[in-house]
Amino acid sequence: MAEHSFTELQKKLEETIKTFPYLYLFKFIIKADNKSMALIEVMFDNDAEIHQKQSSKGNYISISVKQVVLSVDEIITIYKKAAQIEGVIVL
């Protein structure tokens, strides 16, 4: 995800989310490998709710994570970290 996209996302989130803490739903697609999954999971708190769904051919996994966040900056930081992991698609 390009820096421009993060800026646009941040503006949209600031307009949408008015109160914190806020339960936010993060979404990613990764290649089906344990390393990528582990790198995503470690970015979140122990109480985050993580769901995985494998693609029909088993090549990819979609990951949905519900976590309480305290600011829009926290959301953007997590997305930027995820975007640096090889093979991760940030949604």
N, C-alpha and C. Protein backbone atom coordinates (compact mmCIF):
# COMPACT_ATOMS: atom_id res chain seq x y z
N MET A 1 0.85 -1.16 0.00
CA MET A 1 0.00 0.00 0.00
C MET A 1 0.91 1.23 0.00
N ALA A 2 0.65 2.16 -0.91
CA ALA A 2 1.47 3.36 -1.04
C ALA A 2 1.19 4.34 0.10
N GLU A 3 2.19 5.20 0.36
CA GLU A 3 2.03 6.21 1.43
C GLU A 3 0.80 7.08 1.19
N HIS A 4 0.52 7.38 -0.06
CA HIS A 4 -0.67 8.17 -0.42
C HIS A 4 -1.94 7.46 0.06
N SER A 5 -1.98 6.15 -0.12
CA SER A 5 -3.14 5.37 0.32
C SER A 5 -3.32 5.42 1.83
N PHE A 6 -2.21 5.39 2.56
CA PHE A 6 -2.28 5.48 4.01
C PHE A 6 -2.81 6.84 4.44
N THR A 7 -2.41 7.88 3.74
CA THR A 7 -2.88 9.23 4.06
C THR A 7 -4.38 9.33 3.81
N GLU A 8 -4.84 8.78 2.71
CA GLU A 8 -6.27 8.78 2.39
C GLU A 8 -7.06 7.97 3.42
N LEU A 9 -6.52 6.81 3.78
CA LEU A 9 -7.17 5.98 4.79
C LEU A 9 -7.26 6.71 6.12
N GLN A 10 -6.18 7.39 6.50
CA GLN A 10 -6.17 8.11 7.76
C GLN A 10 -7.25 9.20 7.77
N LYS A 11 -7.37 9.94 6.69
CA LYS A 11 -8.40 10.98 6.61
C LYS A 11 -9.80 10.37 6.73
N LYS A 12 -10.02 9.27 6.03
CA LYS A 12 -11.33 8.60 6.07
C LYS A 12 -11.65 8.11 7.49
N LEU A 13 -10.66 7.52 8.14
CA LEU A 13 -10.88 7.01 9.50
C LEU A 13 -11.15 8.15 10.48
N GLU A 14 -10.43 9.25 10.33
CA GLU A 14 -10.63 10.40 11.22
C GLU A 14 -12.04 10.98 11.07
N GLU A 15 -12.59 10.90 9.86
CA GLU A 15 -13.96 11.37 9.62
C GLU A 15 -14.99 10.39 10.17
N THR A 16 -14.66 9.11 10.16
CA THR A 16 -15.61 8.07 10.53
C THR A 16 -15.64 7.75 12.02
N ILE A 17 -14.47 7.59 12.62
CA ILE A 17 -14.38 7.17 14.01
C ILE A 17 -14.28 8.41 14.89
N LYS A 18 -15.26 8.57 15.74
CA LYS A 18 -15.31 9.78 16.58
C LYS A 18 -14.94 9.54 18.03
N THR A 19 -15.06 8.29 18.51
CA THR A 19 -14.75 8.01 19.91
C THR A 19 -13.81 6.81 20.03
N PHE A 20 -12.96 6.89 21.03
CA PHE A 20 -12.02 5.81 21.33
C PHE A 20 -12.14 5.48 22.79
N PRO A 21 -11.83 4.25 23.20
CA PRO A 21 -11.37 3.12 22.41
C PRO A 21 -12.43 2.65 21.40
N TYR A 22 -11.94 1.98 20.34
CA TYR A 22 -12.79 1.58 19.24
C TYR A 22 -12.41 0.17 18.80
N LEU A 23 -13.40 -0.69 18.58
CA LEU A 23 -13.14 -2.04 18.09
C LEU A 23 -13.02 -1.98 16.57
N TYR A 24 -11.81 -2.18 16.06
CA TYR A 24 -11.54 -2.03 14.63
C TYR A 24 -11.30 -3.40 13.99
N LEU A 25 -11.75 -3.56 12.77
CA LEU A 25 -11.58 -4.80 12.02
C LEU A 25 -10.50 -4.61 10.96
N PHE A 26 -9.36 -5.26 11.16
CA PHE A 26 -8.27 -5.25 10.19
C PHE A 26 -8.46 -6.43 9.24
N LYS A 27 -8.08 -6.24 7.96
CA LYS A 27 -8.19 -7.33 6.99
C LYS A 27 -6.92 -7.43 6.16
N PHE A 28 -6.47 -8.66 5.95
CA PHE A 28 -5.27 -8.93 5.18
C PHE A 28 -5.48 -10.19 4.34
N ILE A 29 -4.70 -10.30 3.28
CA ILE A 29 -4.59 -11.55 2.53
C ILE A 29 -3.12 -11.89 2.47
N ILE A 30 -2.79 -13.15 2.78
CA ILE A 30 -1.40 -13.59 2.75
C ILE A 30 -1.29 -14.88 1.96
N LYS A 31 -0.07 -15.16 1.50
CA LYS A 31 0.19 -16.47 0.93
C LYS A 31 0.12 -17.47 2.06
N ALA A 32 -0.33 -18.65 1.77
CA ALA A 32 -0.54 -19.67 2.81
C ALA A 32 0.80 -20.22 3.29
N ASP A 33 1.41 -19.50 4.22
CA ASP A 33 2.62 -20.02 4.87
C ASP A 33 2.64 -19.58 6.32
N ASN A 34 3.25 -20.39 7.14
CA ASN A 34 3.25 -20.16 8.58
C ASN A 34 4.03 -18.91 8.98
N LYS A 35 5.08 -18.56 8.23
CA LYS A 35 5.89 -17.40 8.58
C LYS A 35 5.06 -16.12 8.47
N SER A 36 4.36 -15.93 7.37
CA SER A 36 3.54 -14.73 7.18
C SER A 36 2.45 -14.65 8.24
N MET A 37 1.84 -15.77 8.54
CA MET A 37 0.78 -15.80 9.55
C MET A 37 1.34 -15.40 10.91
N ALA A 38 2.48 -15.92 11.26
CA ALA A 38 3.10 -15.61 12.56
C ALA A 38 3.47 -14.13 12.64
N LEU A 39 3.98 -13.57 11.55
CA LEU A 39 4.34 -12.15 11.54
C LEU A 39 3.12 -11.25 11.69
N ILE A 40 1.99 -11.65 11.14
CA ILE A 40 0.76 -10.87 11.31
C ILE A 40 0.27 -11.00 12.75
N GLU A 41 0.21 -12.21 13.25
CA GLU A 41 -0.33 -12.44 14.60
C GLU A 41 0.44 -11.68 15.67
N VAL A 42 1.75 -11.59 15.55
CA VAL A 42 2.57 -10.96 16.58
C VAL A 42 2.35 -9.44 16.65
N MET A 43 1.74 -8.86 15.64
CA MET A 43 1.47 -7.41 15.64
C MET A 43 0.30 -7.04 16.55
N PHE A 44 -0.48 -8.01 16.97
CA PHE A 44 -1.71 -7.74 17.71
C PHE A 44 -1.62 -8.19 19.15
N ASP A 45 -2.48 -7.60 19.99
CA ASP A 45 -2.54 -7.96 21.41
C ASP A 45 -3.04 -9.39 21.58
N ASN A 46 -2.79 -9.96 22.74
CA ASN A 46 -3.25 -11.32 23.03
C ASN A 46 -4.76 -11.44 23.02
N ASP A 47 -5.46 -10.36 23.31
CA ASP A 47 -6.92 -10.42 23.34
C ASP A 47 -7.57 -10.10 22.00
N ALA A 48 -6.78 -9.89 20.96
CA ALA A 48 -7.33 -9.66 19.63
C ALA A 48 -8.01 -10.93 19.13
N GLU A 49 -9.09 -10.75 18.39
CA GLU A 49 -9.86 -11.87 17.83
C GLU A 49 -9.41 -12.06 16.38
N ILE A 50 -8.72 -13.17 16.11
CA ILE A 50 -8.14 -13.42 14.78
C ILE A 50 -8.87 -14.58 14.12
N HIS A 51 -9.35 -14.33 12.89
CA HIS A 51 -10.03 -15.37 12.11
C HIS A 51 -9.28 -15.56 10.80
N GLN A 52 -9.17 -16.83 10.40
CA GLN A 52 -8.49 -17.18 9.15
C GLN A 52 -9.45 -17.94 8.25
N LYS A 53 -9.33 -17.70 6.96
CA LYS A 53 -10.10 -18.47 5.99
C LYS A 53 -9.20 -18.75 4.79
N GLN A 54 -9.03 -20.04 4.51
CA GLN A 54 -8.17 -20.44 3.40
C GLN A 54 -8.93 -20.35 2.08
N SER A 55 -8.20 -19.97 1.02
CA SER A 55 -8.82 -19.89 -0.31
C SER A 55 -9.17 -21.30 -0.79
N SER A 56 -10.00 -21.38 -1.82
CA SER A 56 -10.48 -22.68 -2.30
C SER A 56 -9.34 -23.58 -2.78
N LYS A 57 -8.28 -23.00 -3.35
CA LYS A 57 -7.14 -23.81 -3.80
C LYS A 57 -6.07 -23.95 -2.73
N GLY A 58 -6.25 -23.24 -1.61
CA GLY A 58 -5.31 -23.36 -0.51
C GLY A 58 -4.04 -22.54 -0.65
N ASN A 59 -3.98 -21.65 -1.65
CA ASN A 59 -2.78 -20.86 -1.86
C ASN A 59 -2.72 -19.61 -0.98
N TYR A 60 -3.86 -19.11 -0.58
CA TYR A 60 -3.93 -17.86 0.19
C TYR A 60 -4.80 -18.04 1.43
N ILE A 61 -4.58 -17.15 2.38
CA ILE A 61 -5.39 -17.11 3.59
C ILE A 61 -5.86 -15.67 3.79
N SER A 62 -7.16 -15.49 4.01
CA SER A 62 -7.63 -14.17 4.39
C SER A 62 -7.68 -14.14 5.91
N ILE A 63 -7.21 -13.02 6.45
CA ILE A 63 -7.14 -12.86 7.90
C ILE A 63 -7.96 -11.64 8.29
N SER A 64 -8.83 -11.83 9.25
CA SER A 64 -9.61 -10.73 9.84
C SER A 64 -9.25 -10.66 11.31
N VAL A 65 -8.92 -9.46 11.77
CA VAL A 65 -8.52 -9.28 13.16
C VAL A 65 -9.34 -8.16 13.77
N LYS A 66 -10.03 -8.47 14.86
CA LYS A 66 -10.74 -7.44 15.62
C LYS A 66 -9.90 -7.11 16.84
N GLN A 67 -9.56 -5.83 16.96
CA GLN A 67 -8.77 -5.38 18.10
C GLN A 67 -9.24 -4.00 18.53
N VAL A 68 -9.22 -3.78 19.82
CA VAL A 68 -9.53 -2.46 20.35
C VAL A 68 -8.32 -1.56 20.13
N VAL A 69 -8.58 -0.40 19.51
CA VAL A 69 -7.52 0.57 19.26
C VAL A 69 -7.85 1.87 20.00
N LEU A 70 -6.80 2.66 20.24
CA LEU A 70 -6.97 3.89 21.00
C LEU A 70 -6.86 5.15 20.15
N SER A 71 -6.49 4.97 18.86
CA SER A 71 -6.37 6.13 17.98
C SER A 71 -6.30 5.69 16.53
N VAL A 72 -6.54 6.64 15.65
CA VAL A 72 -6.39 6.38 14.21
C VAL A 72 -4.93 6.09 13.90
N ASP A 73 -4.02 6.78 14.57
CA ASP A 73 -2.59 6.56 14.35
C ASP A 73 -2.20 5.11 14.63
N GLU A 74 -2.82 4.50 15.63
CA GLU A 74 -2.54 3.09 15.95
C GLU A 74 -2.96 2.19 14.79
N ILE A 75 -4.10 2.46 14.18
CA ILE A 75 -4.57 1.68 13.03
C ILE A 75 -3.58 1.80 11.87
N ILE A 76 -3.18 3.03 11.56
CA ILE A 76 -2.27 3.27 10.45
C ILE A 76 -0.92 2.60 10.71
N THR A 77 -0.44 2.67 11.93
CA THR A 77 0.84 2.04 12.27
C THR A 77 0.80 0.53 12.04
N ILE A 78 -0.27 -0.11 12.44
CA ILE A 78 -0.40 -1.55 12.23
C ILE A 78 -0.44 -1.88 10.74
N TYR A 79 -1.21 -1.11 9.97
CA TYR A 79 -1.27 -1.36 8.53
C TYR A 79 0.09 -1.15 7.87
N LYS A 80 0.84 -0.13 8.29
CA LYS A 80 2.16 0.11 7.71
C LYS A 80 3.11 -1.04 8.03
N LYS A 81 3.07 -1.56 9.25
CA LYS A 81 3.91 -2.71 9.62
C LYS A 81 3.54 -3.93 8.77
N ALA A 82 2.26 -4.16 8.61
CA ALA A 82 1.80 -5.32 7.83
C ALA A 82 2.22 -5.20 6.37
N ALA A 83 2.17 -3.99 5.83
CA ALA A 83 2.52 -3.78 4.43
C ALA A 83 3.99 -4.07 4.15
N GLN A 84 4.82 -4.06 5.18
CA GLN A 84 6.26 -4.35 5.02
C GLN A 84 6.54 -5.85 5.00
N ILE A 85 5.57 -6.66 5.36
CA ILE A 85 5.77 -8.12 5.35
C ILE A 85 5.59 -8.61 3.92
N GLU A 86 6.56 -9.35 3.46
CA GLU A 86 6.54 -9.83 2.08
C GLU A 86 5.33 -10.72 1.82
N GLY A 87 4.60 -10.43 0.74
CA GLY A 87 3.46 -11.24 0.35
C GLY A 87 2.15 -10.88 1.02
N VAL A 88 2.13 -9.87 1.88
CA VAL A 88 0.91 -9.47 2.56
C VAL A 88 0.19 -8.41 1.74
N ILE A 89 -1.10 -8.61 1.56
CA ILE A 89 -1.95 -7.63 0.91
C ILE A 89 -2.82 -7.01 1.99
N VAL A 90 -2.74 -5.69 2.13
CA VAL A 90 -3.51 -4.97 3.13
C VAL A 90 -4.81 -4.53 2.49
N LEU A 91 -5.93 -4.85 3.15
CA LEU A 91 -7.23 -4.45 2.61
C LEU A 91 -7.83 -3.32 3.42
